[in-house]
Amino acid sequence: MRIYILNTTRFYHEDFEEYPGAWFSCPVDFEEIRERLGVQSEEEIEIEDYELPFPLEGNTRLWEINALCRMIQEMQGTPLYYEMDVVQKR
């Protein structure tokens, strides 16, 4: 489970095609985001891409993503975990 987070406070630079960003494993600690991307608050980031077993809305907060990822980690190895795709489609 990973998310690609952009630092939206840095302007485009001619050496880069897009805003600086990085992949983070979930659940992710904001301190790690702060250190790697140089941001001070969650308002300075944007989730650009993700590899998660659930969909994200454009305004999904980081704490919500972390909570869902922790729930999925707790379910790993259970019958429900192996049937998540079927449950999600209903």
PDB file of N, CA and C in Angstrom:
ATOM      1  N   MET A   1       0.850  -1.159   0.000  1.00  0.00           N
ATOM      2  CA  MET A   1       0.000   0.000   0.000  1.00  0.00           C
ATOM      3  C   MET A   1       0.900   1.228   0.000  1.00  0.00           C
ATOM      4  N   ARG A   2       0.760   2.013  -1.067  1.00  0.00           N
ATOM      5  CA  ARG A   2       1.616   3.195  -1.212  1.00  0.00           C
ATOM      6  C   ARG A   2       0.816   4.357  -1.779  1.00  0.00           C
ATOM      7  N   ILE A   3       1.319   5.565  -1.481  1.00  0.00           N
ATOM      8  CA  ILE A   3       0.748   6.770  -2.077  1.00  0.00           C
ATOM      9  C   ILE A   3       1.890   7.639  -2.596  1.00  0.00           C
ATOM     10  N   TYR A   4       1.631   8.321  -3.711  1.00  0.00           N
ATOM     11  CA  TYR A   4       2.608   9.251  -4.275  1.00  0.00           C
ATOM     12  C   TYR A   4       2.155  10.648  -3.898  1.00  0.00           C
ATOM     13  N   ILE A   5       3.002  11.345  -3.139  1.00  0.00           N
ATOM     14  CA  ILE A   5       2.655  12.660  -2.613  1.00  0.00           C
ATOM     15  C   ILE A   5       3.522  13.729  -3.257  1.00  0.00           C
ATOM     16  N   LEU A   6       2.870  14.825  -3.665  1.00  0.00           N
ATOM     17  CA  LEU A   6       3.565  15.970  -4.249  1.00  0.00           C
ATOM     18  C   LEU A   6       3.683  17.097  -3.240  1.00  0.00           C
ATOM     19  N   ASN A   7       4.791  17.818  -3.301  1.00  0.00           N
ATOM     20  CA  ASN A   7       4.951  19.072  -2.564  1.00  0.00           C
ATOM     21  C   ASN A   7       4.446  20.165  -3.492  1.00  0.00           C
ATOM     22  N   THR A   8       3.302  20.736  -3.181  1.00  0.00           N
ATOM     23  CA  THR A   8       2.694  21.732  -4.069  1.00  0.00           C
ATOM     24  C   THR A   8       3.209  23.144  -3.826  1.00  0.00           C
ATOM     25  N   THR A   9       4.123  23.316  -2.872  1.00  0.00           N
ATOM     26  CA  THR A   9       4.646  24.658  -2.598  1.00  0.00           C
ATOM     27  C   THR A   9       5.865  24.991  -3.441  1.00  0.00           C
ATOM     28  N   ARG A  10       6.493  23.988  -4.005  1.00  0.00           N
ATOM     29  CA  ARG A  10       7.663  24.241  -4.848  1.00  0.00           C
ATOM     30  C   ARG A  10       7.202  24.444  -6.277  1.00  0.00           C
ATOM     31  N   PHE A  11       7.712  25.481  -6.881  1.00  0.00           N
ATOM     32  CA  PHE A  11       7.342  25.764  -8.260  1.00  0.00           C
ATOM     33  C   PHE A  11       8.047  24.811  -9.212  1.00  0.00           C
ATOM     34  N   TYR A  12       7.499  24.705 -10.393  1.00  0.00           N
ATOM     35  CA  TYR A  12       8.166  23.924 -11.425  1.00  0.00           C
ATOM     36  C   TYR A  12       9.569  24.472 -11.635  1.00  0.00           C
ATOM     37  N   HIS A  13      10.490  23.603 -11.907  1.00  0.00           N
ATOM     38  CA  HIS A  13      11.876  23.989 -12.177  1.00  0.00           C
ATOM     39  C   HIS A  13      12.217  23.430 -13.546  1.00  0.00           C
ATOM     40  N   GLU A  14      13.036  24.117 -14.283  1.00  0.00           N
ATOM     41  CA  GLU A  14      13.329  23.678 -15.651  1.00  0.00           C
ATOM     42  C   GLU A  14      13.956  22.289 -15.704  1.00  0.00           C
ATOM     43  N   ASP A  15      14.573  21.842 -14.611  1.00  0.00           N
ATOM     44  CA  ASP A  15      15.168  20.506 -14.586  1.00  0.00           C
ATOM     45  C   ASP A  15      14.144  19.425 -14.244  1.00  0.00           C
ATOM     46  N   PHE A  16      12.959  19.830 -13.817  1.00  0.00           N
ATOM     47  CA  PHE A  16      11.926  18.876 -13.432  1.00  0.00           C
ATOM     48  C   PHE A  16      10.705  19.079 -14.312  1.00  0.00           C
ATOM     49  N   GLU A  17      10.021  17.990 -14.617  1.00  0.00           N
ATOM     50  CA  GLU A  17       8.814  18.083 -15.421  1.00  0.00           C
ATOM     51  C   GLU A  17       7.576  18.333 -14.566  1.00  0.00           C
ATOM     52  N   GLU A  18       7.697  18.137 -13.268  1.00  0.00           N
ATOM     53  CA  GLU A  18       6.545  18.309 -12.389  1.00  0.00           C
ATOM     54  C   GLU A  18       7.008  18.685 -10.993  1.00  0.00           C
ATOM     55  N   TYR A  19       6.050  18.896 -10.103  1.00  0.00           N
ATOM     56  CA  TYR A  19       6.384  19.227  -8.719  1.00  0.00           C
ATOM     57  C   TYR A  19       7.180  18.082  -8.091  1.00  0.00           C
ATOM     58  N   PRO A  20       8.062  18.401  -7.126  1.00  0.00           N
ATOM     59  CA  PRO A  20       8.790  17.339  -6.435  1.00  0.00           C
ATOM     60  C   PRO A  20       7.822  16.453  -5.648  1.00  0.00           C
ATOM     61  N   GLY A  21       8.049  15.163  -5.719  1.00  0.00           N
ATOM     62  CA  GLY A  21       7.196  14.225  -4.999  1.00  0.00           C
ATOM     63  C   GLY A  21       7.927  12.932  -4.729  1.00  0.00           C
ATOM     64  N   ALA A  22       7.263  12.025  -4.010  1.00  0.00           N
ATOM     65  CA  ALA A  22       7.873  10.741  -3.668  1.00  0.00           C
ATOM     66  C   ALA A  22       6.780   9.747  -3.292  1.00  0.00           C
ATOM     67  N   TRP A  23       7.120   8.467  -3.434  1.00  0.00           N
ATOM     68  CA  TRP A  23       6.249   7.389  -2.986  1.00  0.00           C
ATOM     69  C   TRP A  23       6.483   7.158  -1.496  1.00  0.00           C
ATOM     70  N   PHE A  24       5.404   6.886  -0.771  1.00  0.00           N
ATOM     71  CA  PHE A  24       5.457   6.589   0.657  1.00  0.00           C
ATOM     72  C   PHE A  24       4.640   5.334   0.933  1.00  0.00           C
ATOM     73  N   SER A  25       5.179   4.455   1.764  1.00  0.00           N
ATOM     74  CA  SER A  25       4.438   3.273   2.202  1.00  0.00           C
ATOM     75  C   SER A  25       3.435   3.678   3.269  1.00  0.00           C
ATOM     76  N   CYS A  26       2.273   3.056   3.229  1.00  0.00           N
ATOM     77  CA  CYS A  26       1.214   3.373   4.191  1.00  0.00           C
ATOM     78  C   CYS A  26       1.133   2.300   5.269  1.00  0.00           C
ATOM     79  N   PRO A  27       0.748   2.662   6.475  1.00  0.00           N
ATOM     80  CA  PRO A  27       0.460   4.016   6.905  1.00  0.00           C
ATOM     81  C   PRO A  27       1.734   4.851   6.958  1.00  0.00           C
ATOM     82  N   VAL A  28       1.595   6.127   6.642  1.00  0.00           N
ATOM     83  CA  VAL A  28       2.748   7.020   6.550  1.00  0.00           C
ATOM     84  C   VAL A  28       2.705   8.051   7.674  1.00  0.00           C
ATOM     85  N   ASP A  29       3.876   8.333   8.218  1.00  0.00           N
ATOM     86  CA  ASP A  29       4.012   9.337   9.267  1.00  0.00           C
ATOM     87  C   ASP A  29       4.273  10.687   8.604  1.00  0.00           C
ATOM     88  N   PHE A  30       3.531  11.719   9.013  1.00  0.00           N
ATOM     89  CA  PHE A  30       3.708  13.026   8.390  1.00  0.00           C
ATOM     90  C   PHE A  30       5.128  13.550   8.576  1.00  0.00           C
ATOM     91  N   GLU A  31       5.799  13.161   9.647  1.00  0.00           N
ATOM     92  CA  GLU A  31       7.187  13.593   9.858  1.00  0.00           C
ATOM     93  C   GLU A  31       8.080  13.115   8.712  1.00  0.00           C
ATOM     94  N   GLU A  32       7.829  11.905   8.221  1.00  0.00           N
ATOM     95  CA  GLU A  32       8.597  11.391   7.084  1.00  0.00           C
ATOM     96  C   GLU A  32       8.325  12.232   5.835  1.00  0.00           C
ATOM     97  N   ILE A  33       7.074  12.593   5.620  1.00  0.00           N
ATOM     98  CA  ILE A  33       6.723  13.448   4.483  1.00  0.00           C
ATOM     99  C   ILE A  33       7.419  14.795   4.628  1.00  0.00           C
ATOM    100  N   ARG A  34       7.371  15.346   5.814  1.00  0.00           N
ATOM    101  CA  ARG A  34       7.999  16.645   6.084  1.00  0.00           C
ATOM    102  C   ARG A  34       9.495  16.602   5.768  1.00  0.00           C
ATOM    103  N   GLU A  35      10.166  15.550   6.226  1.00  0.00           N
ATOM    104  CA  GLU A  35      11.608  15.438   6.000  1.00  0.00           C
ATOM    105  C   GLU A  35      11.951  15.250   4.526  1.00  0.00           C
ATOM    106  N   ARG A  36      11.204  14.382   3.845  1.00  0.00           N
ATOM    107  CA  ARG A  36      11.545  14.060   2.457  1.00  0.00           C
ATOM    108  C   ARG A  36      11.118  15.124   1.457  1.00  0.00           C
ATOM    109  N   LEU A  37       9.995  15.798   1.723  1.00  0.00           N
ATOM    110  CA  LEU A  37       9.480  16.768   0.756  1.00  0.00           C
ATOM    111  C   LEU A  37       9.642  18.214   1.191  1.00  0.00           C
ATOM    112  N   GLY A  38      10.000  18.432   2.443  1.00  0.00           N
ATOM    113  CA  GLY A  38      10.216  19.797   2.915  1.00  0.00           C
ATOM    114  C   GLY A  38       8.952  20.612   3.091  1.00  0.00           C
ATOM    115  N   VAL A  39       7.868  19.959   3.495  1.00  0.00           N
ATOM    116  CA  VAL A  39       6.608  20.671   3.726  1.00  0.00           C
ATOM    117  C   VAL A  39       6.393  20.875   5.219  1.00  0.00           C
ATOM    118  N   GLN A  40       5.509  21.815   5.548  1.00  0.00           N
ATOM    119  CA  GLN A  40       5.223  22.101   6.954  1.00  0.00           C
ATOM    120  C   GLN A  40       3.827  21.656   7.389  1.00  0.00           C
ATOM    121  N   SER A  41       2.901  21.546   6.430  1.00  0.00           N
ATOM    122  CA  SER A  41       1.537  21.162   6.795  1.00  0.00           C
ATOM    123  C   SER A  41       0.927  20.301   5.692  1.00  0.00           C
ATOM    124  N   GLU A  42      -0.158  19.640   6.047  1.00  0.00           N
ATOM    125  CA  GLU A  42      -0.826  18.768   5.086  1.00  0.00           C
ATOM    126  C   GLU A  42      -1.443  19.555   3.931  1.00  0.00           C
ATOM    127  N   GLU A  43      -1.690  20.839   4.131  1.00  0.00           N
ATOM    128  CA  GLU A  43      -2.237  21.675   3.064  1.00  0.00           C
ATOM    129  C   GLU A  43      -1.225  21.896   1.939  1.00  0.00           C
ATOM    130  N   GLU A  44       0.037  21.596   2.182  1.00  0.00           N
ATOM    131  CA  GLU A  44       1.095  21.804   1.188  1.00  0.00           C
ATOM    132  C   GLU A  44       1.367  20.563   0.347  1.00  0.00           C
ATOM    133  N   ILE A  45       0.557  19.515   0.525  1.00  0.00           N
ATOM    134  CA  ILE A  45       0.773  18.287  -0.237  1.00  0.00           C
ATOM    135  C   ILE A  45      -0.476  17.930  -1.027  1.00  0.00           C
ATOM    136  N   GLU A  46      -0.264  17.080  -2.016  1.00  0.00           N
ATOM    137  CA  GLU A  46      -1.370  16.554  -2.812  1.00  0.00           C
ATOM    138  C   GLU A  46      -1.047  15.109  -3.146  1.00  0.00           C
ATOM    139  N   ILE A  47      -2.029  14.246  -3.015  1.00  0.00           N
ATOM    140  CA  ILE A  47      -1.835  12.841  -3.375  1.00  0.00           C
ATOM    141  C   ILE A  47      -2.080  12.726  -4.868  1.00  0.00           C
ATOM    142  N   GLU A  48      -1.043  12.376  -5.581  1.00  0.00           N
ATOM    143  CA  GLU A  48      -1.084  12.331  -7.041  1.00  0.00           C
ATOM    144  C   GLU A  48      -1.440  10.940  -7.563  1.00  0.00           C
ATOM    145  N   ASP A  49      -1.016   9.893  -6.857  1.00  0.00           N
ATOM    146  CA  ASP A  49      -1.235   8.524  -7.314  1.00  0.00           C
ATOM    147  C   ASP A  49      -1.277   7.626  -6.084  1.00  0.00           C
ATOM    148  N   TYR A  50      -1.817   6.435  -6.245  1.00  0.00           N
ATOM    149  CA  TYR A  50      -1.849   5.512  -5.112  1.00  0.00           C
ATOM    150  C   TYR A  50      -1.953   4.076  -5.586  1.00  0.00           C
ATOM    151  N   GLU A  51      -1.483   3.186  -4.731  1.00  0.00           N
ATOM    152  CA  GLU A  51      -1.602   1.742  -4.914  1.00  0.00           C
ATOM    153  C   GLU A  51      -2.220   1.212  -3.628  1.00  0.00           C
ATOM    154  N   LEU A  52      -3.540   1.268  -3.562  1.00  0.00           N
ATOM    155  CA  LEU A  52      -4.286   0.897  -2.367  1.00  0.00           C
ATOM    156  C   LEU A  52      -5.443  -0.013  -2.758  1.00  0.00           C
ATOM    157  N   PRO A  53      -5.908  -0.846  -1.841  1.00  0.00           N
ATOM    158  CA  PRO A  53      -7.039  -1.723  -2.153  1.00  0.00           C
ATOM    159  C   PRO A  53      -8.394  -1.031  -1.981  1.00  0.00           C
ATOM    160  N   PHE A  54      -8.393   0.288  -1.944  1.00  0.00           N
ATOM    161  CA  PHE A  54      -9.633   1.058  -1.835  1.00  0.00           C
ATOM    162  C   PHE A  54      -9.449   2.348  -2.624  1.00  0.00           C
ATOM    163  N   PRO A  55     -10.546   2.909  -3.129  1.00  0.00           N
ATOM    164  CA  PRO A  55     -10.442   4.152  -3.909  1.00  0.00           C
ATOM    165  C   PRO A  55     -10.269   5.361  -2.995  1.00  0.00           C
ATOM    166  N   LEU A  56      -9.680   6.410  -3.539  1.00  0.00           N
ATOM    167  CA  LEU A  56      -9.527   7.667  -2.817  1.00  0.00           C
ATOM    168  C   LEU A  56     -10.320   8.752  -3.523  1.00  0.00           C
ATOM    169  N   GLU A  57     -10.882   9.637  -2.743  1.00  0.00           N
ATOM    170  CA  GLU A  57     -11.512  10.844  -3.263  1.00  0.00           C
ATOM    171  C   GLU A  57     -10.452  11.936  -3.271  1.00  0.00           C
ATOM    172  N   GLY A  58     -10.675  12.987  -4.000  1.00  0.00           N
ATOM    173  CA  GLY A  58      -9.704  14.069  -4.093  1.00  0.00           C
ATOM    174  C   GLY A  58      -9.401  14.762  -2.780  1.00  0.00           C
ATOM    175  N   ASN A  59     -10.343  14.714  -1.850  1.00  0.00           N
ATOM    176  CA  ASN A  59     -10.154  15.417  -0.584  1.00  0.00           C
ATOM    177  C   ASN A  59      -9.900  14.474   0.596  1.00  0.00           C
ATOM    178  N   THR A  60      -9.529  13.237   0.335  1.00  0.00           N
ATOM    179  CA  THR A  60      -9.272  12.285   1.416  1.00  0.00           C
ATOM    180  C   THR A  60      -8.062  12.733   2.219  1.00  0.00           C
ATOM    181  N   ARG A  61      -8.235  12.842   3.517  1.00  0.00           N
ATOM    182  CA  ARG A  61      -7.167  13.308   4.401  1.00  0.00           C
ATOM    183  C   ARG A  61      -6.201  12.163   4.704  1.00  0.00           C
ATOM    184  N   LEU A  62      -4.987  12.539   5.033  1.00  0.00           N
ATOM    185  CA  LEU A  62      -3.939  11.568   5.321  1.00  0.00           C
ATOM    186  C   LEU A  62      -4.310  10.667   6.494  1.00  0.00           C
ATOM    187  N   TRP A  63      -4.926  11.209   7.529  1.00  0.00           N
ATOM    188  CA  TRP A  63      -5.286  10.389   8.691  1.00  0.00           C
ATOM    189  C   TRP A  63      -6.311   9.329   8.305  1.00  0.00           C
ATOM    190  N   GLU A  64      -7.207   9.638   7.352  1.00  0.00           N
ATOM    191  CA  GLU A  64      -8.194   8.660   6.902  1.00  0.00           C
ATOM    192  C   GLU A  64      -7.521   7.518   6.146  1.00  0.00           C
ATOM    193  N   ILE A  65      -6.574   7.871   5.286  1.00  0.00           N
ATOM    194  CA  ILE A  65      -5.832   6.855   4.534  1.00  0.00           C
ATOM    195  C   ILE A  65      -5.087   5.947   5.501  1.00  0.00           C
ATOM    196  N   ASN A  66      -4.421   6.546   6.480  1.00  0.00           N
ATOM    197  CA  ASN A  66      -3.676   5.758   7.465  1.00  0.00           C
ATOM    198  C   ASN A  66      -4.599   4.836   8.256  1.00  0.00           C
ATOM    199  N   ALA A  67      -5.765   5.336   8.659  1.00  0.00           N
ATOM    200  CA  ALA A  67      -6.710   4.516   9.422  1.00  0.00           C
ATOM    201  C   ALA A  67      -7.189   3.328   8.594  1.00  0.00           C
ATOM    202  N   LEU A  68      -7.521   3.564   7.332  1.00  0.00           N
ATOM    203  CA  LEU A  68      -7.963   2.476   6.458  1.00  0.00           C
ATOM    204  C   LEU A  68      -6.848   1.464   6.224  1.00  0.00           C
ATOM    205  N   CYS A  69      -5.632   1.942   6.036  1.00  0.00           N
ATOM    206  CA  CYS A  69      -4.499   1.037   5.825  1.00  0.00           C
ATOM    207  C   CYS A  69      -4.238   0.185   7.064  1.00  0.00           C
ATOM    208  N   ARG A  70      -4.360   0.777   8.242  1.00  0.00           N
ATOM    209  CA  ARG A  70      -4.173   0.002   9.483  1.00  0.00           C
ATOM    210  C   ARG A  70      -5.257  -1.068   9.624  1.00  0.00           C
ATOM    211  N   MET A  71      -6.495  -0.729   9.264  1.00  0.00           N
ATOM    212  CA  MET A  71      -7.578  -1.715   9.324  1.00  0.00           C
ATOM    213  C   MET A  71      -7.297  -2.873   8.380  1.00  0.00           C
ATOM    214  N   ILE A  72      -6.805  -2.567   7.192  1.00  0.00           N
ATOM    215  CA  ILE A  72      -6.496  -3.615   6.223  1.00  0.00           C
ATOM    216  C   ILE A  72      -5.347  -4.478   6.723  1.00  0.00           C
ATOM    217  N   GLN A  73      -4.336  -3.860   7.330  1.00  0.00           N
ATOM    218  CA  GLN A  73      -3.227  -4.630   7.891  1.00  0.00           C
ATOM    219  C   GLN A  73      -3.723  -5.590   8.972  1.00  0.00           C
ATOM    220  N   GLU A  74      -4.675  -5.146   9.788  1.00  0.00           N
ATOM    221  CA  GLU A  74      -5.225  -6.008  10.834  1.00  0.00           C
ATOM    222  C   GLU A  74      -6.031  -7.162  10.249  1.00  0.00           C
ATOM    223  N   MET A  75      -6.631  -6.958   9.079  1.00  0.00           N
ATOM    224  CA  MET A  75      -7.439  -8.001   8.442  1.00  0.00           C
ATOM    225  C   MET A  75      -6.604  -9.010   7.667  1.00  0.00           C
ATOM    226  N   GLN A  76      -5.350  -8.683   7.377  1.00  0.00           N
ATOM    227  CA  GLN A  76      -4.523  -9.584   6.571  1.00  0.00           C
ATOM    228  C   GLN A  76      -4.496 -10.977   7.194  1.00  0.00           C
ATOM    229  N   GLY A  77      -4.660 -11.971   6.346  1.00  0.00           N
ATOM    230  CA  GLY A  77      -4.663 -13.355   6.792  1.00  0.00           C
ATOM    231  C   GLY A  77      -6.032 -13.872   7.190  1.00  0.00           C
ATOM    232  N   THR A  78      -7.038 -13.007   7.208  1.00  0.00           N
ATOM    233  CA  THR A  78      -8.391 -13.439   7.561  1.00  0.00           C
ATOM    234  C   THR A  78      -9.182 -13.725   6.288  1.00  0.00           C
ATOM    235  N   PRO A  79     -10.267 -14.496   6.397  1.00  0.00           N
ATOM    236  CA  PRO A  79     -11.093 -14.754   5.207  1.00  0.00           C
ATOM    237  C   PRO A  79     -11.631 -13.467   4.573  1.00  0.00           C
ATOM    238  N   LEU A  80     -11.979 -12.487   5.387  1.00  0.00           N
ATOM    239  CA  LEU A  80     -12.492 -11.227   4.844  1.00  0.00           C
ATOM    240  C   LEU A  80     -11.458 -10.531   3.973  1.00  0.00           C
ATOM    241  N   TYR A  81     -10.208 -10.586   4.378  1.00  0.00           N
ATOM    242  CA  TYR A  81      -9.138  -9.953   3.602  1.00  0.00           C
ATOM    243  C   TYR A  81      -9.088 -10.536   2.190  1.00  0.00           C
ATOM    244  N   TYR A  82      -9.235 -11.856   2.092  1.00  0.00           N
ATOM    245  CA  TYR A  82      -9.149 -12.502   0.781  1.00  0.00           C
ATOM    246  C   TYR A  82     -10.402 -12.280  -0.066  1.00  0.00           C
ATOM    247  N   GLU A  83     -11.472 -11.828   0.548  1.00  0.00           N
ATOM    248  CA  GLU A  83     -12.715 -11.560  -0.173  1.00  0.00           C
ATOM    249  C   GLU A  83     -12.988 -10.068  -0.329  1.00  0.00           C
ATOM    250  N   MET A  84     -12.009  -9.224  -0.033  1.00  0.00           N
ATOM    251  CA  MET A  84     -12.235  -7.774  -0.079  1.00  0.00           C
ATOM    252  C   MET A  84     -12.713  -7.286  -1.433  1.00  0.00           C
ATOM    253  N   ASP A  85     -12.191  -7.828  -2.508  1.00  0.00           N
ATOM    254  CA  ASP A  85     -12.620  -7.388  -3.839  1.00  0.00           C
ATOM    255  C   ASP A  85     -14.115  -7.626  -4.038  1.00  0.00           C
ATOM    256  N   VAL A  86     -14.591  -8.772  -3.590  1.00  0.00           N
ATOM    257  CA  VAL A  86     -16.008  -9.097  -3.732  1.00  0.00           C
ATOM    258  C   VAL A  86     -16.844  -8.159  -2.872  1.00  0.00           C
ATOM    259  N   VAL A  87     -16.405  -7.908  -1.649  1.00  0.00           N
ATOM    260  CA  VAL A  87     -17.134  -7.030  -0.733  1.00  0.00           C
ATOM    261  C   VAL A  87     -17.179  -5.607  -1.280  1.00  0.00           C
ATOM    262  N   GLN A  88     -16.081  -5.118  -1.838  1.00  0.00           N
ATOM    263  CA  GLN A  88     -16.031  -3.752  -2.362  1.00  0.00           C
ATOM    264  C   GLN A  88     -16.974  -3.555  -3.535  1.00  0.00           C
ATOM    265  N   LYS A  89     -17.185  -4.572  -4.332  1.00  0.00           N
ATOM    266  CA  LYS A  89     -18.021  -4.446  -5.526  1.00  0.00           C
ATOM    267  C   LYS A  89     -19.507  -4.411  -5.191  1.00  0.00           C
ATOM    268  N   ARG A  90     -19.872  -4.759  -3.973  1.00  0.00           N
ATOM    269  CA  ARG A  90     -21.293  -4.781  -3.584  1.00  0.00           C
ATOM    270  C   ARG A  90     -21.746  -3.451  -3.111  1.00  0.00           C
TER     271      ARG A  90
END
